[in-house]
Amino acid sequence: MAAEDGISELTDRHMAVIEFMRKEFEANGTGPSIRKLTKQSGVPTKELYQLFPGGPAKKAARIAGITKPQGCI
């Protein structure tokens, strides 16, 4: 699935974001917004866009197996 989204290899940083997304989904029923993701995951916005190009919150949610965060187009 990650390869389909242009991500050749999932690194530890990718997995940190994915695990954060899953925890937030379990706690709140939806994935975190990009703003919450950058503020609470410890991964800066610029790095998120490098890890998940073209829409980090939506792509990370897809790879994490959760629904896209509210507010994502």
PDB file of N, CA and C in Angstrom:
ATOM      1  N   MET A   1       0.836  -1.189   0.000  1.00  0.00           N
ATOM      2  CA  MET A   1       0.000   0.000   0.000  1.00  0.00           C
ATOM      3  C   MET A   1       0.882   1.255   0.000  1.00  0.00           C
ATOM      4  N   ALA A   2       1.939   1.238   0.800  1.00  0.00           N
ATOM      5  CA  ALA A   2       2.834   2.401   0.847  1.00  0.00           C
ATOM      6  C   ALA A   2       3.477   2.630  -0.520  1.00  0.00           C
ATOM      7  N   ALA A   3       3.877   1.560  -1.187  1.00  0.00           N
ATOM      8  CA  ALA A   3       4.500   1.691  -2.506  1.00  0.00           C
ATOM      9  C   ALA A   3       3.540   2.326  -3.506  1.00  0.00           C
ATOM     10  N   GLU A   4       2.261   2.003  -3.403  1.00  0.00           N
ATOM     11  CA  GLU A   4       1.254   2.609  -4.279  1.00  0.00           C
ATOM     12  C   GLU A   4       1.178   4.121  -4.070  1.00  0.00           C
ATOM     13  N   ASP A   5       1.511   4.578  -2.875  1.00  0.00           N
ATOM     14  CA  ASP A   5       1.473   6.001  -2.542  1.00  0.00           C
ATOM     15  C   ASP A   5       2.825   6.685  -2.744  1.00  0.00           C
ATOM     16  N   GLY A   6       3.769   5.987  -3.375  1.00  0.00           N
ATOM     17  CA  GLY A   6       5.066   6.577  -3.667  1.00  0.00           C
ATOM     18  C   GLY A   6       6.081   6.491  -2.538  1.00  0.00           C
ATOM     19  N   ILE A   7       5.829   5.632  -1.562  1.00  0.00           N
ATOM     20  CA  ILE A   7       6.747   5.458  -0.436  1.00  0.00           C
ATOM     21  C   ILE A   7       7.410   4.096  -0.600  1.00  0.00           C
ATOM     22  N   SER A   8       8.705   4.105  -0.919  1.00  0.00           N
ATOM     23  CA  SER A   8       9.385   2.849  -1.238  1.00  0.00           C
ATOM     24  C   SER A   8       9.665   1.988  -0.010  1.00  0.00           C
ATOM     25  N   GLU A   9       9.930   2.629   1.119  1.00  0.00           N
ATOM     26  CA  GLU A   9      10.267   1.881   2.333  1.00  0.00           C
ATOM     27  C   GLU A   9       9.712   2.606   3.550  1.00  0.00           C
ATOM     28  N   LEU A  10       9.099   1.863   4.458  1.00  0.00           N
ATOM     29  CA  LEU A  10       8.609   2.445   5.706  1.00  0.00           C
ATOM     30  C   LEU A  10       9.715   2.397   6.749  1.00  0.00           C
ATOM     31  N   THR A  11      10.159   3.573   7.158  1.00  0.00           N
ATOM     32  CA  THR A  11      11.236   3.687   8.143  1.00  0.00           C
ATOM     33  C   THR A  11      10.636   3.774   9.557  1.00  0.00           C
ATOM     34  N   ASP A  12      11.520   3.869  10.528  1.00  0.00           N
ATOM     35  CA  ASP A  12      11.067   4.033  11.913  1.00  0.00           C
ATOM     36  C   ASP A  12      10.268   5.328  12.074  1.00  0.00           C
ATOM     37  N   ARG A  13      10.639   6.375  11.361  1.00  0.00           N
ATOM     38  CA  ARG A  13       9.912   7.657  11.432  1.00  0.00           C
ATOM     39  C   ARG A  13       8.512   7.510  10.844  1.00  0.00           C
ATOM     40  N   HIS A  14       8.396   6.775   9.739  1.00  0.00           N
ATOM     41  CA  HIS A  14       7.074   6.497   9.173  1.00  0.00           C
ATOM     42  C   HIS A  14       6.219   5.763  10.209  1.00  0.00           C
ATOM     43  N   MET A  15       6.823   4.746  10.828  1.00  0.00           N
ATOM     44  CA  MET A  15       6.078   3.933  11.785  1.00  0.00           C
ATOM     45  C   MET A  15       5.677   4.741  13.021  1.00  0.00           C
ATOM     46  N   ALA A  16       6.494   5.696  13.426  1.00  0.00           N
ATOM     47  CA  ALA A  16       6.130   6.545  14.563  1.00  0.00           C
ATOM     48  C   ALA A  16       4.864   7.335  14.237  1.00  0.00           C
ATOM     49  N   VAL A  17       4.782   7.860  13.026  1.00  0.00           N
ATOM     50  CA  VAL A  17       3.598   8.611  12.612  1.00  0.00           C
ATOM     51  C   VAL A  17       2.388   7.684  12.516  1.00  0.00           C
ATOM     52  N   ILE A  18       2.570   6.520  11.920  1.00  0.00           N
ATOM     53  CA  ILE A  18       1.473   5.567  11.751  1.00  0.00           C
ATOM     54  C   ILE A  18       0.938   5.114  13.109  1.00  0.00           C
ATOM     55  N   GLU A  19       1.827   4.818  14.046  1.00  0.00           N
ATOM     56  CA  GLU A  19       1.400   4.397  15.386  1.00  0.00           C
ATOM     57  C   GLU A  19       0.665   5.521  16.109  1.00  0.00           C
ATOM     58  N   PHE A  20       1.143   6.758  15.951  1.00  0.00           N
ATOM     59  CA  PHE A  20       0.460   7.904  16.542  1.00  0.00           C
ATOM     60  C   PHE A  20      -0.945   8.030  15.954  1.00  0.00           C
ATOM     61  N   MET A  21      -1.054   7.873  14.640  1.00  0.00           N
ATOM     62  CA  MET A  21      -2.360   7.951  13.971  1.00  0.00           C
ATOM     63  C   MET A  21      -3.319   6.897  14.539  1.00  0.00           C
ATOM     64  N   ARG A  22      -2.838   5.684  14.694  1.00  0.00           N
ATOM     65  CA  ARG A  22      -3.678   4.596  15.222  1.00  0.00           C
ATOM     66  C   ARG A  22      -4.137   4.873  16.652  1.00  0.00           C
ATOM     67  N   LYS A  23      -3.219   5.376  17.484  1.00  0.00           N
ATOM     68  CA  LYS A  23      -3.577   5.697  18.882  1.00  0.00           C
ATOM     69  C   LYS A  23      -4.652   6.768  18.944  1.00  0.00           C
ATOM     70  N   GLU A  24      -4.486   7.793  18.144  1.00  0.00           N
ATOM     71  CA  GLU A  24      -5.479   8.870  18.108  1.00  0.00           C
ATOM     72  C   GLU A  24      -6.826   8.360  17.614  1.00  0.00           C
ATOM     73  N   PHE A  25      -6.795   7.490  16.628  1.00  0.00           N
ATOM     74  CA  PHE A  25      -8.043   6.934  16.105  1.00  0.00           C
ATOM     75  C   PHE A  25      -8.755   6.107  17.172  1.00  0.00           C
ATOM     76  N   GLU A  26      -7.991   5.285  17.891  1.00  0.00           N
ATOM     77  CA  GLU A  26      -8.589   4.470  18.954  1.00  0.00           C
ATOM     78  C   GLU A  26      -9.180   5.342  20.056  1.00  0.00           C
ATOM     79  N   ALA A  27      -8.512   6.428  20.374  1.00  0.00           N
ATOM     80  CA  ALA A  27      -8.963   7.297  21.459  1.00  0.00           C
ATOM     81  C   ALA A  27     -10.126   8.199  21.052  1.00  0.00           C
ATOM     82  N   ASN A  28     -10.144   8.656  19.795  1.00  0.00           N
ATOM     83  CA  ASN A  28     -11.112   9.673  19.387  1.00  0.00           C
ATOM     84  C   ASN A  28     -12.053   9.282  18.257  1.00  0.00           C
ATOM     85  N   GLY A  29     -11.825   8.129  17.644  1.00  0.00           N
ATOM     86  CA  GLY A  29     -12.693   7.692  16.548  1.00  0.00           C
ATOM     87  C   GLY A  29     -12.366   8.324  15.212  1.00  0.00           C
ATOM     88  N   THR A  30     -11.331   9.143  15.164  1.00  0.00           N
ATOM     89  CA  THR A  30     -10.867   9.742  13.917  1.00  0.00           C
ATOM     90  C   THR A  30      -9.368  10.008  14.042  1.00  0.00           C
ATOM     91  N   GLY A  31      -8.708  10.075  12.899  1.00  0.00           N
ATOM     92  CA  GLY A  31      -7.283  10.381  12.907  1.00  0.00           C
ATOM     93  C   GLY A  31      -7.064  11.847  13.219  1.00  0.00           C
ATOM     94  N   PRO A  32      -5.856  12.206  13.639  1.00  0.00           N
ATOM     95  CA  PRO A  32      -5.571  13.593  13.970  1.00  0.00           C
ATOM     96  C   PRO A  32      -5.432  14.460  12.726  1.00  0.00           C
ATOM     97  N   SER A  33      -5.740  15.727  12.868  1.00  0.00           N
ATOM     98  CA  SER A  33      -5.524  16.681  11.781  1.00  0.00           C
ATOM     99  C   SER A  33      -4.023  16.865  11.596  1.00  0.00           C
ATOM    100  N   ILE A  34      -3.635  17.456  10.489  1.00  0.00           N
ATOM    101  CA  ILE A  34      -2.212  17.696  10.232  1.00  0.00           C
ATOM    102  C   ILE A  34      -1.614  18.571  11.323  1.00  0.00           C
ATOM    103  N   ARG A  35      -2.377  19.530  11.803  1.00  0.00           N
ATOM    104  CA  ARG A  35      -1.877  20.416  12.869  1.00  0.00           C
ATOM    105  C   ARG A  35      -1.598  19.632  14.150  1.00  0.00           C
ATOM    106  N   LYS A  36      -2.541  18.803  14.558  1.00  0.00           N
ATOM    107  CA  LYS A  36      -2.361  17.999  15.764  1.00  0.00           C
ATOM    108  C   LYS A  36      -1.231  16.989  15.563  1.00  0.00           C
ATOM    109  N   LEU A  37      -1.160  16.451  14.385  1.00  0.00           N
ATOM    110  CA  LEU A  37      -0.118  15.482  14.065  1.00  0.00           C
ATOM    111  C   LEU A  37       1.267  16.097  14.239  1.00  0.00           C
ATOM    112  N   THR A  38       1.471  17.306  13.744  1.00  0.00           N
ATOM    113  CA  THR A  38       2.779  17.945  13.868  1.00  0.00           C
ATOM    114  C   THR A  38       3.076  18.379  15.303  1.00  0.00           C
ATOM    115  N   LYS A  39       2.060  18.826  16.014  1.00  0.00           N
ATOM    116  CA  LYS A  39       2.283  19.312  17.371  1.00  0.00           C
ATOM    117  C   LYS A  39       2.504  18.194  18.384  1.00  0.00           C
ATOM    118  N   GLN A  40       1.842  17.052  18.205  1.00  0.00           N
ATOM    119  CA  GLN A  40       1.884  16.020  19.233  1.00  0.00           C
ATOM    120  C   GLN A  40       2.696  14.782  18.882  1.00  0.00           C
ATOM    121  N   SER A  41       2.995  14.569  17.618  1.00  0.00           N
ATOM    122  CA  SER A  41       3.736  13.358  17.249  1.00  0.00           C
ATOM    123  C   SER A  41       5.239  13.534  17.370  1.00  0.00           C
ATOM    124  N   GLY A  42       5.693  14.799  17.408  1.00  0.00           N
ATOM    125  CA  GLY A  42       7.125  15.042  17.470  1.00  0.00           C
ATOM    126  C   GLY A  42       7.792  15.063  16.107  1.00  0.00           C
ATOM    127  N   VAL A  43       6.992  14.986  15.039  1.00  0.00           N
ATOM    128  CA  VAL A  43       7.515  15.018  13.679  1.00  0.00           C
ATOM    129  C   VAL A  43       7.122  16.360  13.064  1.00  0.00           C
ATOM    130  N   PRO A  44       8.100  17.194  12.712  1.00  0.00           N
ATOM    131  CA  PRO A  44       7.785  18.510  12.151  1.00  0.00           C
ATOM    132  C   PRO A  44       7.055  18.426  10.808  1.00  0.00           C
ATOM    133  N   THR A  45       6.332  19.477  10.471  1.00  0.00           N
ATOM    134  CA  THR A  45       5.542  19.524   9.241  1.00  0.00           C
ATOM    135  C   THR A  45       6.386  19.215   8.006  1.00  0.00           C
ATOM    136  N   LYS A  46       7.523  19.832   7.911  1.00  0.00           N
ATOM    137  CA  LYS A  46       8.382  19.628   6.736  1.00  0.00           C
ATOM    138  C   LYS A  46       8.750  18.150   6.579  1.00  0.00           C
ATOM    139  N   GLU A  47       9.084  17.506   7.680  1.00  0.00           N
ATOM    140  CA  GLU A  47       9.436  16.082   7.632  1.00  0.00           C
ATOM    141  C   GLU A  47       8.226  15.226   7.275  1.00  0.00           C
ATOM    142  N   LEU A  48       7.052  15.587   7.793  1.00  0.00           N
ATOM    143  CA  LEU A  48       5.833  14.833   7.443  1.00  0.00           C
ATOM    144  C   LEU A  48       5.608  14.824   5.935  1.00  0.00           C
ATOM    145  N   TYR A  49       5.798  15.986   5.309  1.00  0.00           N
ATOM    146  CA  TYR A  49       5.619  16.074   3.859  1.00  0.00           C
ATOM    147  C   TYR A  49       6.703  15.313   3.106  1.00  0.00           C
ATOM    148  N   GLN A  50       7.878  15.157   3.698  1.00  0.00           N
ATOM    149  CA  GLN A  50       8.916  14.341   3.077  1.00  0.00           C
ATOM    150  C   GLN A  50       8.597  12.857   3.229  1.00  0.00           C
ATOM    151  N   LEU A  51       8.082  12.487   4.396  1.00  0.00           N
ATOM    152  CA  LEU A  51       7.738  11.083   4.645  1.00  0.00           C
ATOM    153  C   LEU A  51       6.517  10.635   3.847  1.00  0.00           C
ATOM    154  N   PHE A  52       5.507  11.504   3.785  1.00  0.00           N
ATOM    155  CA  PHE A  52       4.240  11.187   3.126  1.00  0.00           C
ATOM    156  C   PHE A  52       3.915  12.300   2.131  1.00  0.00           C
ATOM    157  N   PRO A  53       4.609  12.327   0.979  1.00  0.00           N
ATOM    158  CA  PRO A  53       4.436  13.436   0.033  1.00  0.00           C
ATOM    159  C   PRO A  53       3.016  13.553  -0.514  1.00  0.00           C
ATOM    160  N   GLY A  54       2.575  14.804  -0.639  1.00  0.00           N
ATOM    161  CA  GLY A  54       1.287  15.061  -1.272  1.00  0.00           C
ATOM    162  C   GLY A  54       0.077  14.971  -0.368  1.00  0.00           C
ATOM    163  N   GLY A  55       0.239  14.845   0.901  1.00  0.00           N
ATOM    164  CA  GLY A  55      -0.894  14.784   1.823  1.00  0.00           C
ATOM    165  C   GLY A  55      -0.604  13.857   2.974  1.00  0.00           C
ATOM    166  N   PRO A  56       0.220  14.295   3.910  1.00  0.00           N
ATOM    167  CA  PRO A  56       0.682  13.411   4.969  1.00  0.00           C
ATOM    168  C   PRO A  56      -0.401  12.804   5.854  1.00  0.00           C
ATOM    169  N   ALA A  57      -1.380  13.584   6.269  1.00  0.00           N
ATOM    170  CA  ALA A  57      -2.395  13.039   7.175  1.00  0.00           C
ATOM    171  C   ALA A  57      -3.236  11.979   6.468  1.00  0.00           C
ATOM    172  N   LYS A  58      -3.630  12.254   5.254  1.00  0.00           N
ATOM    173  CA  LYS A  58      -4.469  11.324   4.490  1.00  0.00           C
ATOM    174  C   LYS A  58      -3.700  10.051   4.143  1.00  0.00           C
ATOM    175  N   LYS A  59      -2.462  10.203   3.681  1.00  0.00           N
ATOM    176  CA  LYS A  59      -1.662   9.026   3.315  1.00  0.00           C
ATOM    177  C   LYS A  59      -1.301   8.199   4.532  1.00  0.00           C
ATOM    178  N   ALA A  60      -0.911   8.848   5.607  1.00  0.00           N
ATOM    179  CA  ALA A  60      -0.558   8.115   6.826  1.00  0.00           C
ATOM    180  C   ALA A  60      -1.773   7.362   7.366  1.00  0.00           C
ATOM    181  N   ALA A  61      -2.939   7.980   7.297  1.00  0.00           N
ATOM    182  CA  ALA A  61      -4.171   7.315   7.756  1.00  0.00           C
ATOM    183  C   ALA A  61      -4.464   6.090   6.904  1.00  0.00           C
ATOM    184  N   ARG A  62      -4.307   6.228   5.614  1.00  0.00           N
ATOM    185  CA  ARG A  62      -4.557   5.097   4.706  1.00  0.00           C
ATOM    186  C   ARG A  62      -3.629   3.933   5.021  1.00  0.00           C
ATOM    187  N   ILE A  63      -2.347   4.233   5.172  1.00  0.00           N
ATOM    188  CA  ILE A  63      -1.368   3.181   5.472  1.00  0.00           C
ATOM    189  C   ILE A  63      -1.603   2.601   6.865  1.00  0.00           C
ATOM    190  N   ALA A  64      -2.068   3.427   7.794  1.00  0.00           N
ATOM    191  CA  ALA A  64      -2.361   2.964   9.153  1.00  0.00           C
ATOM    192  C   ALA A  64      -3.632   2.117   9.219  1.00  0.00           C
ATOM    193  N   GLY A  65      -4.414   2.169   8.148  1.00  0.00           N
ATOM    194  CA  GLY A  65      -5.633   1.359   8.123  1.00  0.00           C
ATOM    195  C   GLY A  65      -6.804   2.017   8.832  1.00  0.00           C
ATOM    196  N   ILE A  66      -6.778   3.347   8.911  1.00  0.00           N
ATOM    197  CA  ILE A  66      -7.875   4.058   9.553  1.00  0.00           C
ATOM    198  C   ILE A  66      -8.520   5.012   8.547  1.00  0.00           C
ATOM    199  N   THR A  67      -9.676   5.552   8.918  1.00  0.00           N
ATOM    200  CA  THR A  67     -10.327   6.494   8.034  1.00  0.00           C
ATOM    201  C   THR A  67      -9.551   7.804   8.025  1.00  0.00           C
ATOM    202  N   LYS A  68      -9.702   8.554   6.931  1.00  0.00           N
ATOM    203  CA  LYS A  68      -8.971   9.828   6.846  1.00  0.00           C
ATOM    204  C   LYS A  68      -9.467  10.778   7.920  1.00  0.00           C
ATOM    205  N   PRO A  69      -8.588  11.635   8.397  1.00  0.00           N
ATOM    206  CA  PRO A  69      -8.981  12.592   9.442  1.00  0.00           C
ATOM    207  C   PRO A  69     -10.086  13.527   8.958  1.00  0.00           C
ATOM    208  N   GLN A  70     -10.900  13.992   9.881  1.00  0.00           N
ATOM    209  CA  GLN A  70     -11.933  14.963   9.534  1.00  0.00           C
ATOM    210  C   GLN A  70     -11.265  16.212   9.016  1.00  0.00           C
ATOM    211  N   GLY A  71     -11.826  16.796   7.994  1.00  0.00           N
ATOM    212  CA  GLY A  71     -11.264  18.003   7.414  1.00  0.00           C
ATOM    213  C   GLY A  71     -10.324  17.738   6.262  1.00  0.00           C
ATOM    214  N   CYS A  72      -9.919  16.487   6.049  1.00  0.00           N
ATOM    215  CA  CYS A  72      -9.059  16.155   4.902  1.00  0.00           C
ATOM    216  C   CYS A  72      -9.914  16.064   3.655  1.00  0.00           C
ATOM    217  N   ILE A  73      -9.402  16.613   2.581  1.00  0.00           N
ATOM    218  CA  ILE A  73     -10.137  16.567   1.309  1.00  0.00           C
ATOM    219  C   ILE A  73      -9.755  15.318   0.549  1.00  0.00           C
TER     220      ILE A  73
END
